[in-house]
């Protein structure tokens, strides 16, 4: 990487770390972080594919009670950097996906450290609030958020300085059985992500749309743009049918002489 590319990657990592808390511009989401790193390093296609694959897994990650989800920001940034340094392009996506999962779990340790360090900052903000020092509160707030950014930026900067030849030779020296295993594992990880998302979304009302979408994608050669357009059409049909069903729920007359109309009204 050139010096400018290194700086841009660290900036993306810094924003990804902050967005893990702010959750405003979604820089921490894999599809955004990996795409941006791919863009600034000249590996846009590989970055998009990696980000899209990791995003399907990250959709199933959520903080529930005291259980903290794996760190999607660190997984995205670190795996994208490894993909770029490895120089394998799209062919290295499966290996990067397999590497991203342990990185996401390791990111929990960094999260615990930063949140522990944030506790004294909160107490300092409480004391500033007692004296009405709002300027100090704002500064401490920015310091705490910057700590979250450094949580990702520092590991990213450290990984950048690893010589690309070292990473490339390490990836190329892996035996075929390990590469195949990582490819299979990466595919399974994405499949688990799909399953988690479907488990949250699937209801008896939307299962027919899942089945139709799967069949259309499997038996046709439509592009992603075409499949996306069909998905939008399905969504609009579903929303319109839902509105029609709700507006006619209080009606007692179900026989209008129009069979299709009767079905829609009963729906």
C-alpha atoms as a PDB file:
ATOM      1  CA  UNK A   1       0.000   0.000   0.000  1.00  0.00           C
ATOM      2  CA  UNK A   2       1.051   3.572  -0.573  1.00  0.00           C
ATOM      3  CA  UNK A   3       1.205   6.061   2.304  1.00  0.00           C
ATOM      4  CA  UNK A   4      -2.078   7.675   1.233  1.00  0.00           C
ATOM      5  CA  UNK A   5      -3.803   4.287   1.070  1.00  0.00           C
ATOM      6  CA  UNK A   6      -2.541   3.420   4.543  1.00  0.00           C
ATOM      7  CA  UNK A   7      -3.877   6.685   5.949  1.00  0.00           C
ATOM      8  CA  UNK A   8      -7.256   6.198   4.280  1.00  0.00           C
ATOM      9  CA  UNK A   9      -7.542   2.626   5.586  1.00  0.00           C
ATOM     10  CA  UNK A  10      -6.799   3.797   9.146  1.00  0.00           C
ATOM     11  CA  UNK A  11      -9.401   6.560   8.780  1.00  0.00           C
ATOM     12  CA  UNK A  12     -11.997   4.039   7.623  1.00  0.00           C
ATOM     13  CA  UNK A  13     -11.080   1.807  10.571  1.00  0.00           C
ATOM     14  CA  UNK A  14     -11.379   4.739  12.984  1.00  0.00           C
ATOM     15  CA  UNK A  15     -14.857   5.635  11.736  1.00  0.00           C
ATOM     16  CA  UNK A  16     -15.891   1.966  11.808  1.00  0.00           C
ATOM     17  CA  UNK A  17     -14.897   1.756  15.472  1.00  0.00           C
ATOM     18  CA  UNK A  18     -16.856   4.890  16.389  1.00  0.00           C
ATOM     19  CA  UNK A  19     -19.908   3.783  14.430  1.00  0.00           C
ATOM     20  CA  UNK A  20     -20.048   0.614  16.478  1.00  0.00           C
ATOM     21  CA  UNK A  21     -21.296   2.911  19.241  1.00  0.00           C
ATOM     22  CA  UNK A  22     -22.870   5.815  17.362  1.00  0.00           C
ATOM     23  CA  UNK A  23     -24.702   3.559  14.870  1.00  0.00           C
ATOM     24  CA  UNK A  24     -25.518   6.575  12.682  1.00  0.00           C
ATOM     25  CA  UNK A  25     -23.759   6.224   9.321  1.00  0.00           C
ATOM     26  CA  UNK A  26     -23.218   2.434   9.568  1.00  0.00           C
ATOM     27  CA  UNK A  27     -19.468   2.516   8.804  1.00  0.00           C
ATOM     28  CA  UNK A  28     -19.056  -0.503  11.083  1.00  0.00           C
ATOM     29  CA  UNK A  29     -21.253  -2.707   8.898  1.00  0.00           C
ATOM     30  CA  UNK A  30     -19.198  -5.161   6.805  1.00  0.00           C
ATOM     31  CA  UNK A  31     -20.747  -4.111   3.502  1.00  0.00           C
ATOM     32  CA  UNK A  32     -19.653  -0.501   4.145  1.00  0.00           C
ATOM     33  CA  UNK A  33     -16.261  -1.041   5.812  1.00  0.00           C
ATOM     34  CA  UNK A  34     -15.020  -3.716   3.390  1.00  0.00           C
ATOM     35  CA  UNK A  35     -16.252  -1.781   0.364  1.00  0.00           C
ATOM     36  CA  UNK A  36     -14.517   1.412   1.490  1.00  0.00           C
ATOM     37  CA  UNK A  37     -11.240  -0.400   2.177  1.00  0.00           C
ATOM     38  CA  UNK A  38     -11.496  -2.122  -1.181  1.00  0.00           C
ATOM     39  CA  UNK A  39     -12.148   1.239  -2.815  1.00  0.00           C
ATOM     40  CA  UNK A  40      -9.168   3.071  -1.310  1.00  0.00           C
ATOM     41  CA  UNK A  41      -6.805   0.173  -1.987  1.00  0.00           C
ATOM     42  CA  UNK A  42      -7.902  -0.543  -5.556  1.00  0.00           C
ATOM     43  CA  UNK A  43      -9.644  -3.834  -4.701  1.00  0.00           C
ATOM     44  CA  UNK A  44     -13.247  -2.688  -4.970  1.00  0.00           C
ATOM     45  CA  UNK A  45     -14.725  -5.891  -6.419  1.00  0.00           C
ATOM     46  CA  UNK A  46     -13.128  -8.142  -3.809  1.00  0.00           C
ATOM     47  CA  UNK A  47     -14.089  -5.701  -1.035  1.00  0.00           C
ATOM     48  CA  UNK A  48     -17.746  -5.685  -2.095  1.00  0.00           C
ATOM     49  CA  UNK A  49     -17.912  -9.480  -2.298  1.00  0.00           C
ATOM     50  CA  UNK A  50     -16.240  -9.876   1.099  1.00  0.00           C
ATOM     51  CA  UNK A  51     -18.450  -7.212   2.676  1.00  0.00           C
ATOM     52  CA  UNK A  52     -21.636  -8.701   1.241  1.00  0.00           C
ATOM     53  CA  UNK A  53     -20.742 -12.184   2.479  1.00  0.00           C
ATOM     54  CA  UNK A  54     -19.857 -10.969   5.977  1.00  0.00           C
ATOM     55  CA  UNK A  55     -22.965  -8.766   6.094  1.00  0.00           C
ATOM     56  CA  UNK A  56     -25.269 -11.769   5.822  1.00  0.00           C
ATOM     57  CA  UNK A  57     -23.575 -13.201   8.892  1.00  0.00           C
ATOM     58  CA  UNK A  58     -23.481  -9.915  10.816  1.00  0.00           C
ATOM     59  CA  UNK A  59     -27.235  -9.443  10.351  1.00  0.00           C
ATOM     60  CA  UNK A  60     -27.685 -12.211  12.902  1.00  0.00           C
ATOM     61  CA  UNK A  61     -25.387 -10.564  15.473  1.00  0.00           C
ATOM     62  CA  UNK A  62     -27.160  -8.548  18.126  1.00  0.00           C
ATOM     63  CA  UNK A  63     -26.533  -7.433  21.707  1.00  0.00           C
ATOM     64  CA  UNK A  64     -29.096  -9.159  23.904  1.00  0.00           C
ATOM     65  CA  UNK A  65     -29.041  -8.247  27.584  1.00  0.00           C
ATOM     66  CA  UNK A  66     -25.548  -8.736  28.952  1.00  0.00           C
ATOM     67  CA  UNK A  67     -24.523 -10.838  25.942  1.00  0.00           C
ATOM     68  CA  UNK A  68     -22.369  -8.748  23.586  1.00  0.00           C
ATOM     69  CA  UNK A  69     -22.344  -9.686  19.904  1.00  0.00           C
ATOM     70  CA  UNK A  70     -19.069 -10.354  18.074  1.00  0.00           C
ATOM     71  CA  UNK A  71     -17.268  -7.258  16.841  1.00  0.00           C
ATOM     72  CA  UNK A  72     -18.346  -6.776  13.230  1.00  0.00           C
ATOM     73  CA  UNK A  73     -16.157  -3.674  12.823  1.00  0.00           C
ATOM     74  CA  UNK A  74     -12.868  -5.403  13.657  1.00  0.00           C
ATOM     75  CA  UNK A  75     -13.829  -8.487  11.655  1.00  0.00           C
ATOM     76  CA  UNK A  76     -14.626  -6.374   8.596  1.00  0.00           C
ATOM     77  CA  UNK A  77     -11.583  -4.119   8.719  1.00  0.00           C
ATOM     78  CA  UNK A  78      -9.037  -6.816   9.599  1.00  0.00           C
ATOM     79  CA  UNK A  79     -10.292  -9.367   7.068  1.00  0.00           C
ATOM     80  CA  UNK A  80     -10.376  -6.700   4.336  1.00  0.00           C
ATOM     81  CA  UNK A  81      -6.777  -5.708   5.104  1.00  0.00           C
ATOM     82  CA  UNK A  82      -5.672  -9.349   5.027  1.00  0.00           C
ATOM     83  CA  UNK A  83      -7.486  -9.786   1.713  1.00  0.00           C
ATOM     84  CA  UNK A  84      -5.716  -6.751   0.242  1.00  0.00           C
ATOM     85  CA  UNK A  85      -2.272  -7.706   1.554  1.00  0.00           C
ATOM     86  CA  UNK A  86      -2.704 -11.279   0.367  1.00  0.00           C
ATOM     87  CA  UNK A  87      -3.057 -10.056  -3.210  1.00  0.00           C
ATOM     88  CA  UNK A  88      -5.389 -12.924  -4.171  1.00  0.00           C
ATOM     89  CA  UNK A  89      -8.309 -10.692  -5.091  1.00  0.00           C
ATOM     90  CA  UNK A  90     -11.714 -12.360  -5.302  1.00  0.00           C
ATOM     91  CA  UNK A  91     -10.071 -15.793  -4.960  1.00  0.00           C
ATOM     92  CA  UNK A  92      -9.065 -14.952  -1.384  1.00  0.00           C
ATOM     93  CA  UNK A  93     -12.538 -13.995  -0.175  1.00  0.00           C
ATOM     94  CA  UNK A  94     -13.353 -17.408   1.303  1.00  0.00           C
ATOM     95  CA  UNK A  95     -10.139 -17.459   3.330  1.00  0.00           C
ATOM     96  CA  UNK A  96     -10.793 -13.902   4.538  1.00  0.00           C
ATOM     97  CA  UNK A  97     -14.304 -14.882   5.660  1.00  0.00           C
ATOM     98  CA  UNK A  98     -12.960 -17.821   7.659  1.00  0.00           C
ATOM     99  CA  UNK A  99     -10.351 -15.535   9.267  1.00  0.00           C
ATOM    100  CA  UNK A 100     -12.967 -12.884  10.091  1.00  0.00           C
ATOM    101  CA  UNK A 101     -14.893 -15.035  12.566  1.00  0.00           C
ATOM    102  CA  UNK A 102     -12.125 -15.507  15.178  1.00  0.00           C
ATOM    103  CA  UNK A 103     -11.222 -11.843  14.684  1.00  0.00           C
ATOM    104  CA  UNK A 104     -14.796 -10.875  15.526  1.00  0.00           C
ATOM    105  CA  UNK A 105     -14.628 -12.873  18.744  1.00  0.00           C
ATOM    106  CA  UNK A 106     -11.210 -11.403  19.587  1.00  0.00           C
ATOM    107  CA  UNK A 107     -12.713  -7.961  19.113  1.00  0.00           C
ATOM    108  CA  UNK A 108     -14.872  -8.587  22.175  1.00  0.00           C
ATOM    109  CA  UNK A 109     -11.728  -8.429  24.319  1.00  0.00           C
ATOM    110  CA  UNK A 110     -10.850  -4.998  22.942  1.00  0.00           C
ATOM    111  CA  UNK A 111     -14.434  -3.897  23.498  1.00  0.00           C
ATOM    112  CA  UNK A 112     -14.238  -4.941  27.149  1.00  0.00           C
ATOM    113  CA  UNK A 113     -10.998  -2.977  27.617  1.00  0.00           C
ATOM    114  CA  UNK A 114     -12.400   0.211  26.062  1.00  0.00           C
ATOM    115  CA  UNK A 115     -15.649   0.019  27.992  1.00  0.00           C
ATOM    116  CA  UNK A 116     -13.723  -0.514  31.216  1.00  0.00           C
ATOM    117  CA  UNK A 117     -11.620   2.559  30.477  1.00  0.00           C
ATOM    118  CA  UNK A 118     -14.796   4.488  29.721  1.00  0.00           C
ATOM    119  CA  UNK A 119     -16.120   4.051  33.268  1.00  0.00           C
ATOM    120  CA  UNK A 120     -13.770   6.676  34.788  1.00  0.00           C
ATOM    121  CA  UNK A 121     -14.670   9.012  31.925  1.00  0.00           C
ATOM    122  CA  UNK A 122     -18.338   8.701  32.862  1.00  0.00           C
ATOM    123  CA  UNK A 123     -17.546   9.563  36.486  1.00  0.00           C
ATOM    124  CA  UNK A 124     -15.603  12.601  35.296  1.00  0.00           C
ATOM    125  CA  UNK A 125     -18.630  13.651  33.260  1.00  0.00           C
ATOM    126  CA  UNK A 126     -20.821  13.279  36.354  1.00  0.00           C
ATOM    127  CA  UNK A 127     -18.558  15.618  38.312  1.00  0.00           C
ATOM    128  CA  UNK A 128     -18.571  18.102  35.432  1.00  0.00           C
ATOM    129  CA  UNK A 129     -22.373  17.963  35.399  1.00  0.00           C
ATOM    130  CA  UNK A 130     -22.483  18.835  39.095  1.00  0.00           C
ATOM    131  CA  UNK A 131     -20.611  22.078  38.384  1.00  0.00           C
ATOM    132  CA  UNK A 132     -22.493  22.782  35.159  1.00  0.00           C
ATOM    133  CA  UNK A 133     -19.353  22.524  33.010  1.00  0.00           C
ATOM    134  CA  UNK A 134     -21.049  21.492  29.763  1.00  0.00           C
ATOM    135  CA  UNK A 135     -17.968  22.156  27.672  1.00  0.00           C
ATOM    136  CA  UNK A 136     -16.009  19.596  29.672  1.00  0.00           C
ATOM    137  CA  UNK A 137     -18.835  17.107  29.262  1.00  0.00           C
ATOM    138  CA  UNK A 138     -18.723  17.545  25.488  1.00  0.00           C
ATOM    139  CA  UNK A 139     -14.947  17.070  25.412  1.00  0.00           C
ATOM    140  CA  UNK A 140     -15.127  13.923  27.548  1.00  0.00           C
ATOM    141  CA  UNK A 141     -17.900  12.594  25.324  1.00  0.00           C
ATOM    142  CA  UNK A 142     -15.689  13.037  22.259  1.00  0.00           C
ATOM    143  CA  UNK A 143     -12.761  11.401  24.091  1.00  0.00           C
ATOM    144  CA  UNK A 144     -14.858   8.356  24.938  1.00  0.00           C
ATOM    145  CA  UNK A 145     -16.084   8.020  21.354  1.00  0.00           C
ATOM    146  CA  UNK A 146     -12.544   8.473  20.010  1.00  0.00           C
ATOM    147  CA  UNK A 147     -11.448   5.585  22.233  1.00  0.00           C
ATOM    148  CA  UNK A 148     -13.921   3.392  20.380  1.00  0.00           C
ATOM    149  CA  UNK A 149     -12.414   4.499  17.079  1.00  0.00           C
ATOM    150  CA  UNK A 150      -8.882   3.772  18.245  1.00  0.00           C
ATOM    151  CA  UNK A 151     -10.054   0.307  19.275  1.00  0.00           C
ATOM    152  CA  UNK A 152     -10.183  -0.575  15.565  1.00  0.00           C
ATOM    153  CA  UNK A 153      -7.719   1.938  14.122  1.00  0.00           C
ATOM    154  CA  UNK A 154      -4.719   0.752  16.179  1.00  0.00           C
ATOM    155  CA  UNK A 155      -4.997  -2.955  15.205  1.00  0.00           C
ATOM    156  CA  UNK A 156      -5.633  -1.885  11.594  1.00  0.00           C
ATOM    157  CA  UNK A 157      -2.504   0.285  11.564  1.00  0.00           C
ATOM    158  CA  UNK A 158      -0.470  -2.558  13.052  1.00  0.00           C
ATOM    159  CA  UNK A 159      -1.688  -4.982  10.381  1.00  0.00           C
ATOM    160  CA  UNK A 160      -0.936  -2.535   7.577  1.00  0.00           C
ATOM    161  CA  UNK A 161       2.760  -2.515   8.441  1.00  0.00           C
ATOM    162  CA  UNK A 162       3.008  -6.270   8.027  1.00  0.00           C
ATOM    163  CA  UNK A 163       4.836  -6.740   4.694  1.00  0.00           C
ATOM    164  CA  UNK A 164       2.479  -7.814   1.936  1.00  0.00           C
ATOM    165  CA  UNK A 165       4.975 -10.474   0.832  1.00  0.00           C
ATOM    166  CA  UNK A 166       4.754 -12.111   4.255  1.00  0.00           C
ATOM    167  CA  UNK A 167       0.971 -12.305   4.143  1.00  0.00           C
ATOM    168  CA  UNK A 168       0.949 -13.469   0.531  1.00  0.00           C
ATOM    169  CA  UNK A 169       3.550 -16.170   1.126  1.00  0.00           C
ATOM    170  CA  UNK A 170       1.709 -17.359   4.243  1.00  0.00           C
ATOM    171  CA  UNK A 171      -1.543 -17.694   2.311  1.00  0.00           C
ATOM    172  CA  UNK A 172       0.124 -19.393  -0.635  1.00  0.00           C
ATOM    173  CA  UNK A 173       2.031 -21.810   1.604  1.00  0.00           C
ATOM    174  CA  UNK A 174      -1.161 -23.211   3.103  1.00  0.00           C
ATOM    175  CA  UNK A 175      -1.817 -26.761   1.885  1.00  0.00           C
ATOM    176  CA  UNK A 176      -4.684 -27.459  -0.489  1.00  0.00           C
ATOM    177  CA  UNK A 177      -6.715 -29.289   2.150  1.00  0.00           C
ATOM    178  CA  UNK A 178      -6.556 -26.263   4.443  1.00  0.00           C
ATOM    179  CA  UNK A 179      -7.597 -23.878   1.654  1.00  0.00           C
ATOM    180  CA  UNK A 180     -10.496 -26.140   0.735  1.00  0.00           C
ATOM    181  CA  UNK A 181     -11.475 -26.468   4.379  1.00  0.00           C
ATOM    182  CA  UNK A 182     -11.451 -22.707   4.858  1.00  0.00           C
ATOM    183  CA  UNK A 183     -13.530 -22.273   1.707  1.00  0.00           C
ATOM    184  CA  UNK A 184     -16.077 -24.791   2.971  1.00  0.00           C
ATOM    185  CA  UNK A 185     -16.042 -23.193   6.418  1.00  0.00           C
ATOM    186  CA  UNK A 186     -16.520 -19.743   4.922  1.00  0.00           C
ATOM    187  CA  UNK A 187     -19.489 -21.006   2.924  1.00  0.00           C
ATOM    188  CA  UNK A 188     -20.996 -22.606   6.026  1.00  0.00           C
ATOM    189  CA  UNK A 189     -20.550 -19.370   7.967  1.00  0.00           C
ATOM    190  CA  UNK A 190     -22.477 -17.457   5.301  1.00  0.00           C
ATOM    191  CA  UNK A 191     -25.168 -20.159   5.290  1.00  0.00           C
ATOM    192  CA  UNK A 192     -25.522 -19.816   9.066  1.00  0.00           C
ATOM    193  CA  UNK A 193     -25.910 -16.073   8.588  1.00  0.00           C
ATOM    194  CA  UNK A 194     -28.706 -16.638   6.077  1.00  0.00           C
ATOM    195  CA  UNK A 195     -30.378 -19.067   8.478  1.00  0.00           C
ATOM    196  CA  UNK A 196     -30.227 -16.581  11.368  1.00  0.00           C
ATOM    197  CA  UNK A 197     -31.754 -13.840   9.236  1.00  0.00           C
ATOM    198  CA  UNK A 198     -34.508 -16.086   7.885  1.00  0.00           C
ATOM    199  CA  UNK A 199     -35.243 -17.327  11.408  1.00  0.00           C
ATOM    200  CA  UNK A 200     -35.892 -13.738  12.506  1.00  0.00           C
ATOM    201  CA  UNK A 201     -37.914 -12.726   9.441  1.00  0.00           C
ATOM    202  CA  UNK A 202     -39.800 -15.833   8.422  1.00  0.00           C
ATOM    203  CA  UNK A 203     -43.515 -16.005   9.156  1.00  0.00           C
ATOM    204  CA  UNK A 204     -46.333 -17.911   7.520  1.00  0.00           C
ATOM    205  CA  UNK A 205     -47.181 -14.788   5.537  1.00  0.00           C
ATOM    206  CA  UNK A 206     -43.735 -14.325   3.984  1.00  0.00           C
ATOM    207  CA  UNK A 207     -42.644 -17.966   3.502  1.00  0.00           C
ATOM    208  CA  UNK A 208     -44.278 -18.108   0.033  1.00  0.00           C
ATOM    209  CA  UNK A 209     -42.132 -15.150  -1.019  1.00  0.00           C
ATOM    210  CA  UNK A 210     -38.989 -16.889   0.238  1.00  0.00           C
ATOM    211  CA  UNK A 211     -39.887 -19.972  -1.806  1.00  0.00           C
ATOM    212  CA  UNK A 212     -40.661 -17.956  -4.946  1.00  0.00           C
ATOM    213  CA  UNK A 213     -37.437 -15.970  -4.619  1.00  0.00           C
ATOM    214  CA  UNK A 214     -35.343 -19.118  -4.149  1.00  0.00           C
ATOM    215  CA  UNK A 215     -36.893 -20.821  -7.196  1.00  0.00           C
ATOM    216  CA  UNK A 216     -36.493 -17.744  -9.402  1.00  0.00           C
ATOM    217  CA  UNK A 217     -32.835 -17.345  -8.382  1.00  0.00           C
ATOM    218  CA  UNK A 218     -32.092 -21.063  -8.843  1.00  0.00           C
ATOM    219  CA  UNK A 219     -33.716 -21.771 -12.224  1.00  0.00           C
ATOM    220  CA  UNK A 220     -33.003 -18.493 -14.040  1.00  0.00           C
ATOM    221  CA  UNK A 221     -29.946 -16.559 -15.112  1.00  0.00           C
ATOM    222  CA  UNK A 222     -31.223 -13.218 -13.875  1.00  0.00           C
ATOM    223  CA  UNK A 223     -28.719 -10.660 -12.630  1.00  0.00           C
ATOM    224  CA  UNK A 224     -28.707  -9.316  -9.075  1.00  0.00           C
ATOM    225  CA  UNK A 225     -30.345  -6.126 -10.338  1.00  0.00           C
ATOM    226  CA  UNK A 226     -33.200  -8.120 -11.845  1.00  0.00           C
ATOM    227  CA  UNK A 227     -33.616 -10.228  -8.703  1.00  0.00           C
ATOM    228  CA  UNK A 228     -33.599  -7.026  -6.627  1.00  0.00           C
ATOM    229  CA  UNK A 229     -36.331  -5.527  -8.819  1.00  0.00           C
ATOM    230  CA  UNK A 230     -38.433  -8.670  -8.421  1.00  0.00           C
ATOM    231  CA  UNK A 231     -37.904  -8.554  -4.644  1.00  0.00           C
ATOM    232  CA  UNK A 232     -39.079  -4.928  -4.547  1.00  0.00           C
ATOM    233  CA  UNK A 233     -42.149  -5.918  -6.585  1.00  0.00           C
ATOM    234  CA  UNK A 234     -42.897  -8.751  -4.148  1.00  0.00           C
ATOM    235  CA  UNK A 235     -42.569  -6.362  -1.226  1.00  0.00           C
ATOM    236  CA  UNK A 236     -44.939  -3.838  -2.785  1.00  0.00           C
ATOM    237  CA  UNK A 237     -47.465  -6.581  -3.585  1.00  0.00           C
ATOM    238  CA  UNK A 238     -47.289  -7.843  -0.014  1.00  0.00           C
ATOM    239  CA  UNK A 239     -47.735  -4.359   1.463  1.00  0.00           C
ATOM    240  CA  UNK A 240     -50.676  -3.583  -0.795  1.00  0.00           C
ATOM    241  CA  UNK A 241     -52.365  -6.899   0.004  1.00  0.00           C
ATOM    242  CA  UNK A 242     -51.816  -6.264   3.718  1.00  0.00           C
ATOM    243  CA  UNK A 243     -53.467  -2.839   3.451  1.00  0.00           C
ATOM    244  CA  UNK A 244     -56.396  -4.241   1.509  1.00  0.00           C
ATOM    245  CA  UNK A 245     -56.823  -7.035   4.031  1.00  0.00           C
ATOM    246  CA  UNK A 246     -56.765  -4.580   6.924  1.00  0.00           C
ATOM    247  CA  UNK A 247     -59.226  -2.181   5.327  1.00  0.00           C
ATOM    248  CA  UNK A 248     -61.750  -4.950   4.690  1.00  0.00           C
ATOM    249  CA  UNK A 249     -61.321  -6.778   7.996  1.00  0.00           C
ATOM    250  CA  UNK A 250     -64.426  -5.202   9.476  1.00  0.00           C
ATOM    251  CA  UNK A 251     -66.611  -5.844   6.447  1.00  0.00           C
ATOM    252  CA  UNK A 252     -69.226  -8.597   6.688  1.00  0.00           C
ATOM    253  CA  UNK A 253     -69.884  -8.858   2.939  1.00  0.00           C
ATOM    254  CA  UNK A 254     -67.466 -11.391   1.405  1.00  0.00           C
ATOM    255  CA  UNK A 255     -69.393 -12.411  -1.733  1.00  0.00           C
ATOM    256  CA  UNK A 256     -69.091  -9.695  -4.352  1.00  0.00           C
ATOM    257  CA  UNK A 257     -69.407 -11.902  -7.425  1.00  0.00           C
ATOM    258  CA  UNK A 258     -65.710 -11.429  -8.200  1.00  0.00           C
ATOM    259  CA  UNK A 259     -63.750 -14.516  -7.068  1.00  0.00           C
ATOM    260  CA  UNK A 260     -60.391 -12.736  -7.138  1.00  0.00           C
ATOM    261  CA  UNK A 261     -61.860  -9.767  -5.283  1.00  0.00           C
ATOM    262  CA  UNK A 262     -63.308 -12.094  -2.640  1.00  0.00           C
ATOM    263  CA  UNK A 263     -59.902 -13.730  -2.114  1.00  0.00           C
ATOM    264  CA  UNK A 264     -58.191 -10.358  -1.713  1.00  0.00           C
ATOM    265  CA  UNK A 265     -60.884  -9.139   0.675  1.00  0.00           C
ATOM    266  CA  UNK A 266     -60.621 -12.288   2.798  1.00  0.00           C
ATOM    267  CA  UNK A 267     -56.837 -11.869   2.825  1.00  0.00           C
END
